[in-house]
PDB file of N, CA and C in Angstrom:
ATOM      1  N   UNK A   1     156.769  31.617 115.453  1.00  0.00           N
ATOM      2  CA  UNK A   1     156.391  33.012 115.345  1.00  0.00           C
ATOM      3  C   UNK A   1     156.077  33.303 113.875  1.00  0.00           C
ATOM      4  N   UNK A   2     155.125  34.180 113.657  1.00  0.00           N
ATOM      5  CA  UNK A   2     154.760  34.580 112.309  1.00  0.00           C
ATOM      6  C   UNK A   2     155.066  36.065 112.124  1.00  0.00           C
ATOM      7  N   UNK A   3     154.943  36.531 110.903  1.00  0.00           N
ATOM      8  CA  UNK A   3     155.198  37.941 110.636  1.00  0.00           C
ATOM      9  C   UNK A   3     154.146  38.821 111.300  1.00  0.00           C
ATOM     10  N   UNK A   4     152.891  38.413 111.194  1.00  0.00           N
ATOM     11  CA  UNK A   4     151.785  39.147 111.811  1.00  0.00           C
ATOM     12  C   UNK A   4     151.092  38.202 112.779  1.00  0.00           C
ATOM     13  N   UNK A   5     150.691  38.704 113.914  1.00  0.00           N
ATOM     14  CA  UNK A   5     149.986  37.876 114.887  1.00  0.00           C
ATOM     15  C   UNK A   5     149.896  38.584 116.216  1.00  0.00           C
ATOM     16  N   UNK A   6     149.518  37.849 117.211  1.00  0.00           N
ATOM     17  CA  UNK A   6     149.358  38.433 118.535  1.00  0.00           C
ATOM     18  C   UNK A   6     150.719  38.710 119.164  1.00  0.00           C
ATOM     19  N   UNK A   7     150.727  39.573 120.164  1.00  0.00           N
ATOM     20  CA  UNK A   7     151.950  39.884 120.897  1.00  0.00           C
ATOM     21  C   UNK A   7     152.248  38.746 121.856  1.00  0.00           C
ATOM     22  N   UNK A   8     153.520  38.393 121.990  1.00  0.00           N
ATOM     23  CA  UNK A   8     153.921  37.342 122.911  1.00  0.00           C
ATOM     24  C   UNK A   8     153.673  37.805 124.346  1.00  0.00           C
ATOM     25  N   UNK A   9     152.942  37.017 125.142  1.00  0.00           N
ATOM     26  CA  UNK A   9     152.686  37.431 126.526  1.00  0.00           C
ATOM     27  C   UNK A   9     153.923  37.213 127.401  1.00  0.00           C
ATOM     28  N   UNK A  10     154.003  38.001 128.440  1.00  0.00           N
ATOM     29  CA  UNK A  10     155.075  37.814 129.408  1.00  0.00           C
ATOM     30  C   UNK A  10     154.651  36.740 130.422  1.00  0.00           C
ATOM     31  N   UNK A  11     155.625  36.199 131.131  1.00  0.00           N
ATOM     32  CA  UNK A  11     155.326  35.200 132.160  1.00  0.00           C
ATOM     33  C   UNK A  11     154.400  35.794 133.210  1.00  0.00           C
ATOM     34  N   UNK A  12     154.641  37.052 133.575  1.00  0.00           N
ATOM     35  CA  UNK A  12     153.813  37.715 134.585  1.00  0.00           C
ATOM     36  C   UNK A  12     152.364  37.829 134.117  1.00  0.00           C
ATOM     37  N   UNK A  13     152.165  38.091 132.828  1.00  0.00           N
ATOM     38  CA  UNK A  13     150.805  38.178 132.297  1.00  0.00           C
ATOM     39  C   UNK A  13     150.111  36.819 132.367  1.00  0.00           C
ATOM     40  N   UNK A  14     150.803  35.785 131.914  1.00  0.00           N
ATOM     41  CA  UNK A  14     150.208  34.444 131.881  1.00  0.00           C
ATOM     42  C   UNK A  14     149.831  33.982 133.287  1.00  0.00           C
ATOM     43  N   UNK A  15     150.634  34.314 134.268  1.00  0.00           N
ATOM     44  CA  UNK A  15     150.338  33.934 135.649  1.00  0.00           C
ATOM     45  C   UNK A  15     149.027  34.550 136.136  1.00  0.00           C
ATOM     46  N   UNK A  16     148.613  35.659 135.526  1.00  0.00           N
ATOM     47  CA  UNK A  16     147.389  36.357 135.936  1.00  0.00           C
ATOM     48  C   UNK A  16     146.214  36.089 135.001  1.00  0.00           C
ATOM     49  N   UNK A  17     146.396  35.222 134.011  1.00  0.00           N
ATOM     50  CA  UNK A  17     145.339  34.970 133.024  1.00  0.00           C
ATOM     51  C   UNK A  17     144.046  34.497 133.669  1.00  0.00           C
ATOM     52  N   UNK A  18     142.952  35.024 133.147  1.00  0.00           N
ATOM     53  CA  UNK A  18     141.621  34.509 133.439  1.00  0.00           C
ATOM     54  C   UNK A  18     141.215  33.679 132.231  1.00  0.00           C
ATOM     55  N   UNK A  19     140.110  32.989 132.297  1.00  0.00           N
ATOM     56  CA  UNK A  19     139.711  32.054 131.237  1.00  0.00           C
ATOM     57  C   UNK A  19     139.662  32.730 129.865  1.00  0.00           C
ATOM     58  N   UNK A  20     139.079  33.925 129.766  1.00  0.00           N
ATOM     59  CA  UNK A  20     138.947  34.555 128.449  1.00  0.00           C
ATOM     60  C   UNK A  20     140.281  35.003 127.859  1.00  0.00           C
ATOM     61  N   UNK A  21     141.316  35.143 128.663  1.00  0.00           N
ATOM     62  CA  UNK A  21     142.616  35.557 128.157  1.00  0.00           C
ATOM     63  C   UNK A  21     143.296  34.461 127.338  1.00  0.00           C
ATOM     64  N   UNK A  22     143.024  33.204 127.637  1.00  0.00           N
ATOM     65  CA  UNK A  22     143.694  32.093 126.956  1.00  0.00           C
ATOM     66  C   UNK A  22     143.345  32.036 125.478  1.00  0.00           C
ATOM     67  N   UNK A  23     142.194  32.564 125.093  1.00  0.00           N
ATOM     68  CA  UNK A  23     141.768  32.523 123.700  1.00  0.00           C
ATOM     69  C   UNK A  23     142.750  33.250 122.782  1.00  0.00           C
ATOM     70  N   UNK A  24     143.423  34.272 123.298  1.00  0.00           N
ATOM     71  CA  UNK A  24     144.350  35.044 122.469  1.00  0.00           C
ATOM     72  C   UNK A  24     145.555  34.236 122.023  1.00  0.00           C
ATOM     73  N   UNK A  25     145.797  33.094 122.641  1.00  0.00           N
ATOM     74  CA  UNK A  25     146.963  32.280 122.306  1.00  0.00           C
ATOM     75  C   UNK A  25     146.671  31.229 121.246  1.00  0.00           C
ATOM     76  N   UNK A  26     145.518  31.299 120.606  1.00  0.00           N
ATOM     77  CA  UNK A  26     145.155  30.298 119.610  1.00  0.00           C
ATOM     78  C   UNK A  26     145.815  30.522 118.253  1.00  0.00           C
ATOM     79  N   UNK A  27     146.568  31.593 118.093  1.00  0.00           N
ATOM     80  CA  UNK A  27     147.343  31.821 116.873  1.00  0.00           C
ATOM     81  C   UNK A  27     148.787  32.094 117.263  1.00  0.00           C
ATOM     82  N   UNK A  28     149.690  31.913 116.295  1.00  0.00           N
ATOM     83  CA  UNK A  28     151.104  32.178 116.553  1.00  0.00           C
ATOM     84  C   UNK A  28     151.313  33.659 116.853  1.00  0.00           C
ATOM     85  N   UNK A  29     152.297  33.930 117.679  1.00  0.00           N
ATOM     86  CA  UNK A  29     152.639  35.325 117.956  1.00  0.00           C
ATOM     87  C   UNK A  29     153.316  35.921 116.731  1.00  0.00           C
ATOM     88  N   UNK A  30     153.288  37.241 116.633  1.00  0.00           N
ATOM     89  CA  UNK A  30     153.876  37.922 115.485  1.00  0.00           C
ATOM     90  C   UNK A  30     154.918  38.934 115.900  1.00  0.00           C
ATOM     91  N   UNK A  31     155.592  39.502 114.899  1.00  0.00           N
ATOM     92  CA  UNK A  31     156.620  40.489 115.198  1.00  0.00           C
ATOM     93  C   UNK A  31     156.102  41.919 115.089  1.00  0.00           C
ATOM     94  N   UNK A  32     154.883  42.082 114.563  1.00  0.00           N
ATOM     95  CA  UNK A  32     154.293  43.417 114.540  1.00  0.00           C
ATOM     96  C   UNK A  32     153.708  43.695 115.918  1.00  0.00           C
ATOM     97  N   UNK A  33     153.565  44.941 116.254  1.00  0.00           N
ATOM     98  CA  UNK A  33     153.097  45.281 117.594  1.00  0.00           C
ATOM     99  C   UNK A  33     152.300  46.577 117.542  1.00  0.00           C
ATOM    100  N   UNK A  34     151.839  47.008 118.715  1.00  0.00           N
ATOM    101  CA  UNK A  34     151.118  48.273 118.798  1.00  0.00           C
ATOM    102  C   UNK A  34     151.536  48.992 120.067  1.00  0.00           C
ATOM    103  N   UNK A  35     151.051  50.208 120.219  1.00  0.00           N
ATOM    104  CA  UNK A  35     151.402  50.995 121.399  1.00  0.00           C
ATOM    105  C   UNK A  35     150.357  50.870 122.503  1.00  0.00           C
ATOM    106  N   UNK A  36     149.377  50.001 122.325  1.00  0.00           N
ATOM    107  CA  UNK A  36     148.334  49.808 123.326  1.00  0.00           C
ATOM    108  C   UNK A  36     148.954  49.149 124.560  1.00  0.00           C
ATOM    109  N   UNK A  37     148.645  49.672 125.731  1.00  0.00           N
ATOM    110  CA  UNK A  37     149.227  49.123 126.957  1.00  0.00           C
ATOM    111  C   UNK A  37     148.202  48.482 127.881  1.00  0.00           C
ATOM    112  N   UNK A  38     146.919  48.772 127.706  1.00  0.00           N
ATOM    113  CA  UNK A  38     145.894  48.172 128.559  1.00  0.00           C
ATOM    114  C   UNK A  38     145.715  46.706 128.168  1.00  0.00           C
ATOM    115  N   UNK A  39     145.950  45.802 129.106  1.00  0.00           N
ATOM    116  CA  UNK A  39     145.945  44.376 128.795  1.00  0.00           C
ATOM    117  C   UNK A  39     144.607  43.904 128.243  1.00  0.00           C
ATOM    118  N   UNK A  40     143.501  44.358 128.782  1.00  0.00           N
ATOM    119  CA  UNK A  40     142.193  43.940 128.276  1.00  0.00           C
ATOM    120  C   UNK A  40     141.993  44.410 126.835  1.00  0.00           C
ATOM    121  N   UNK A  41     142.502  45.606 126.495  1.00  0.00           N
ATOM    122  CA  UNK A  41     142.442  46.073 125.106  1.00  0.00           C
ATOM    123  C   UNK A  41     143.290  45.183 124.205  1.00  0.00           C
ATOM    124  N   UNK A  42     144.454  44.772 124.693  1.00  0.00           N
ATOM    125  CA  UNK A  42     145.333  43.891 123.922  1.00  0.00           C
ATOM    126  C   UNK A  42     144.638  42.562 123.651  1.00  0.00           C
ATOM    127  N   UNK A  43     143.999  41.995 124.666  1.00  0.00           N
ATOM    128  CA  UNK A  43     143.289  40.722 124.494  1.00  0.00           C
ATOM    129  C   UNK A  43     142.170  40.889 123.475  1.00  0.00           C
ATOM    130  N   UNK A  44     141.407  41.974 123.578  1.00  0.00           N
ATOM    131  CA  UNK A  44     140.327  42.228 122.613  1.00  0.00           C
ATOM    132  C   UNK A  44     140.876  42.338 121.193  1.00  0.00           C
ATOM    133  N   UNK A  45     141.992  43.034 121.029  1.00  0.00           N
ATOM    134  CA  UNK A  45     142.598  43.187 119.713  1.00  0.00           C
ATOM    135  C   UNK A  45     143.088  41.839 119.175  1.00  0.00           C
ATOM    136  N   UNK A  46     143.677  41.022 120.039  1.00  0.00           N
ATOM    137  CA  UNK A  46     144.172  39.713 119.616  1.00  0.00           C
ATOM    138  C   UNK A  46     143.033  38.804 119.164  1.00  0.00           C
ATOM    139  N   UNK A  47     141.953  38.789 119.915  1.00  0.00           N
ATOM    140  CA  UNK A  47     140.800  37.956 119.552  1.00  0.00           C
ATOM    141  C   UNK A  47     140.152  38.505 118.274  1.00  0.00           C
ATOM    142  N   UNK A  48     140.111  39.826 118.130  1.00  0.00           N
ATOM    143  CA  UNK A  48     139.572  40.435 116.920  1.00  0.00           C
ATOM    144  C   UNK A  48     140.446  40.065 115.710  1.00  0.00           C
ATOM    145  N   UNK A  49     141.758  40.048 115.895  1.00  0.00           N
ATOM    146  CA  UNK A  49     142.663  39.645 114.822  1.00  0.00           C
ATOM    147  C   UNK A  49     142.348  38.216 114.378  1.00  0.00           C
ATOM    148  N   UNK A  50     142.140  37.325 115.332  1.00  0.00           N
ATOM    149  CA  UNK A  50     141.814  35.933 114.994  1.00  0.00           C
ATOM    150  C   UNK A  50     140.523  35.863 114.186  1.00  0.00           C
ATOM    151  N   UNK A  51     139.550  36.660 114.562  1.00  0.00           N
ATOM    152  CA  UNK A  51     138.253  36.652 113.876  1.00  0.00           C
ATOM    153  C   UNK A  51     138.377  37.176 112.447  1.00  0.00           C
ATOM    154  N   UNK A  52     139.215  38.191 112.238  1.00  0.00           N
ATOM    155  CA  UNK A  52     139.359  38.822 110.927  1.00  0.00           C
ATOM    156  C   UNK A  52     140.416  38.163 110.044  1.00  0.00           C
ATOM    157  N   UNK A  53     141.173  37.212 110.571  1.00  0.00           N
ATOM    158  CA  UNK A  53     142.353  36.733 109.885  1.00  0.00           C
ATOM    159  C   UNK A  53     142.097  36.293 108.446  1.00  0.00           C
ATOM    160  N   UNK A  54     142.969  36.750 107.570  1.00  0.00           N
ATOM    161  CA  UNK A  54     143.046  36.295 106.185  1.00  0.00           C
ATOM    162  C   UNK A  54     144.400  36.753 105.665  1.00  0.00           C
ATOM    163  N   UNK A  55     144.808  36.227 104.541  1.00  0.00           N
ATOM    164  CA  UNK A  55     146.078  36.671 103.949  1.00  0.00           C
ATOM    165  C   UNK A  55     145.981  38.158 103.605  1.00  0.00           C
ATOM    166  N   UNK A  56     144.837  38.570 103.074  1.00  0.00           N
ATOM    167  CA  UNK A  56     144.651  39.981 102.718  1.00  0.00           C
ATOM    168  C   UNK A  56     144.751  40.870 103.962  1.00  0.00           C
ATOM    169  N   UNK A  57     144.182  40.429 105.077  1.00  0.00           N
ATOM    170  CA  UNK A  57     144.241  41.226 106.305  1.00  0.00           C
ATOM    171  C   UNK A  57     145.682  41.317 106.816  1.00  0.00           C
ATOM    172  N   UNK A  58     146.421  40.199 106.751  1.00  0.00           N
ATOM    173  CA  UNK A  58     147.831  40.237 107.144  1.00  0.00           C
ATOM    174  C   UNK A  58     148.618  41.198 106.261  1.00  0.00           C
ATOM    175  N   UNK A  59     148.382  41.175 104.958  1.00  0.00           N
ATOM    176  CA  UNK A  59     149.077  42.094 104.054  1.00  0.00           C
ATOM    177  C   UNK A  59     148.738  43.545 104.389  1.00  0.00           C
ATOM    178  N   UNK A  60     147.473  43.793 104.686  1.00  0.00           N
ATOM    179  CA  UNK A  60     147.055  45.133 105.096  1.00  0.00           C
ATOM    180  C   UNK A  60     147.828  45.575 106.342  1.00  0.00           C
ATOM    181  N   UNK A  61     147.926  44.698 107.330  1.00  0.00           N
ATOM    182  CA  UNK A  61     148.634  45.042 108.568  1.00  0.00           C
ATOM    183  C   UNK A  61     150.128  45.245 108.321  1.00  0.00           C
ATOM    184  N   UNK A  62     150.709  44.452 107.441  1.00  0.00           N
ATOM    185  CA  UNK A  62     152.129  44.621 107.108  1.00  0.00           C
ATOM    186  C   UNK A  62     152.356  45.986 106.469  1.00  0.00           C
ATOM    187  N   UNK A  63     151.503  46.348 105.509  1.00  0.00           N
ATOM    188  CA  UNK A  63     151.655  47.657 104.869  1.00  0.00           C
ATOM    189  C   UNK A  63     151.417  48.798 105.855  1.00  0.00           C
ATOM    190  N   UNK A  64     150.467  48.619 106.764  1.00  0.00           N
ATOM    191  CA  UNK A  64     150.241  49.635 107.800  1.00  0.00           C
ATOM    192  C   UNK A  64     151.485  49.773 108.675  1.00  0.00           C
ATOM    193  N   UNK A  65     152.103  48.651 109.014  1.00  0.00           N
ATOM    194  CA  UNK A  65     153.313  48.666 109.842  1.00  0.00           C
ATOM    195  C   UNK A  65     154.446  49.381 109.117  1.00  0.00           C
ATOM    196  N   UNK A  66     154.629  49.063 107.843  1.00  0.00           N
ATOM    197  CA  UNK A  66     155.677  49.725 107.058  1.00  0.00           C
ATOM    198  C   UNK A  66     155.436  51.237 107.021  1.00  0.00           C
ATOM    199  N   UNK A  67     154.181  51.636 106.801  1.00  0.00           N
ATOM    200  CA  UNK A  67     153.853  53.065 106.759  1.00  0.00           C
ATOM    201  C   UNK A  67     154.183  53.755 108.088  1.00  0.00           C
ATOM    202  N   UNK A  68     153.818  53.119 109.188  1.00  0.00           N
ATOM    203  CA  UNK A  68     154.084  53.706 110.503  1.00  0.00           C
ATOM    204  C   UNK A  68     155.589  53.848 110.739  1.00  0.00           C
ATOM    205  N   UNK A  69     156.347  52.831 110.336  1.00  0.00           N
ATOM    206  CA  UNK A  69     157.808  52.885 110.512  1.00  0.00           C
ATOM    207  C   UNK A  69     158.410  53.993 109.642  1.00  0.00           C
ATOM    208  N   UNK A  70     158.007  54.053 108.371  1.00  0.00           N
ATOM    209  CA  UNK A  70     158.551  55.071 107.476  1.00  0.00           C
ATOM    210  C   UNK A  70     158.154  56.485 107.897  1.00  0.00           C
ATOM    211  N   UNK A  71     156.943  56.632 108.420  1.00  0.00           N
ATOM    212  CA  UNK A  71     156.470  57.939 108.871  1.00  0.00           C
ATOM    213  C   UNK A  71     156.962  58.268 110.280  1.00  0.00           C
ATOM    214  N   UNK A  72     157.656  57.300 110.894  1.00  0.00           N
ATOM    215  CA  UNK A  72     158.184  57.466 112.267  1.00  0.00           C
ATOM    216  C   UNK A  72     157.091  57.817 113.257  1.00  0.00           C
ATOM    217  N   UNK A  73     155.920  57.197 113.082  1.00  0.00           N
ATOM    218  CA  UNK A  73     154.798  57.451 113.981  1.00  0.00           C
ATOM    219  C   UNK A  73     154.734  56.468 115.138  1.00  0.00           C
ATOM    220  N   UNK A  74     155.360  55.306 115.016  1.00  0.00           N
ATOM    221  CA  UNK A  74     155.250  54.293 116.052  1.00  0.00           C
ATOM    222  C   UNK A  74     156.486  54.157 116.914  1.00  0.00           C
ATOM    223  N   UNK A  75     157.555  54.810 116.531  1.00  0.00           N
ATOM    224  CA  UNK A  75     158.805  54.676 117.285  1.00  0.00           C
ATOM    225  C   UNK A  75     158.807  55.601 118.493  1.00  0.00           C
ATOM    226  N   UNK A  76     159.403  55.131 119.570  1.00  0.00           N
ATOM    227  CA  UNK A  76     159.509  55.964 120.780  1.00  0.00           C
ATOM    228  C   UNK A  76     160.830  56.683 120.798  1.00  0.00           C
TER     229      UNK A  76
END
């Protein structure tokens, strides 16, 4: 697991995977997350993360995560 990366899929999700869903598993899962619940949106975001990946992008996402936590915008 990495600090930033895709969300770990559940067993139920993997059992329903179609071919394009497997691409999201090409990077390590991360501990950051989002409030998106639509699975196809999650897959799109994961593949987009892979396309944009860089150390600078990870740092940007970490700082965004810290801001959301401090502002209490992401907590339920």
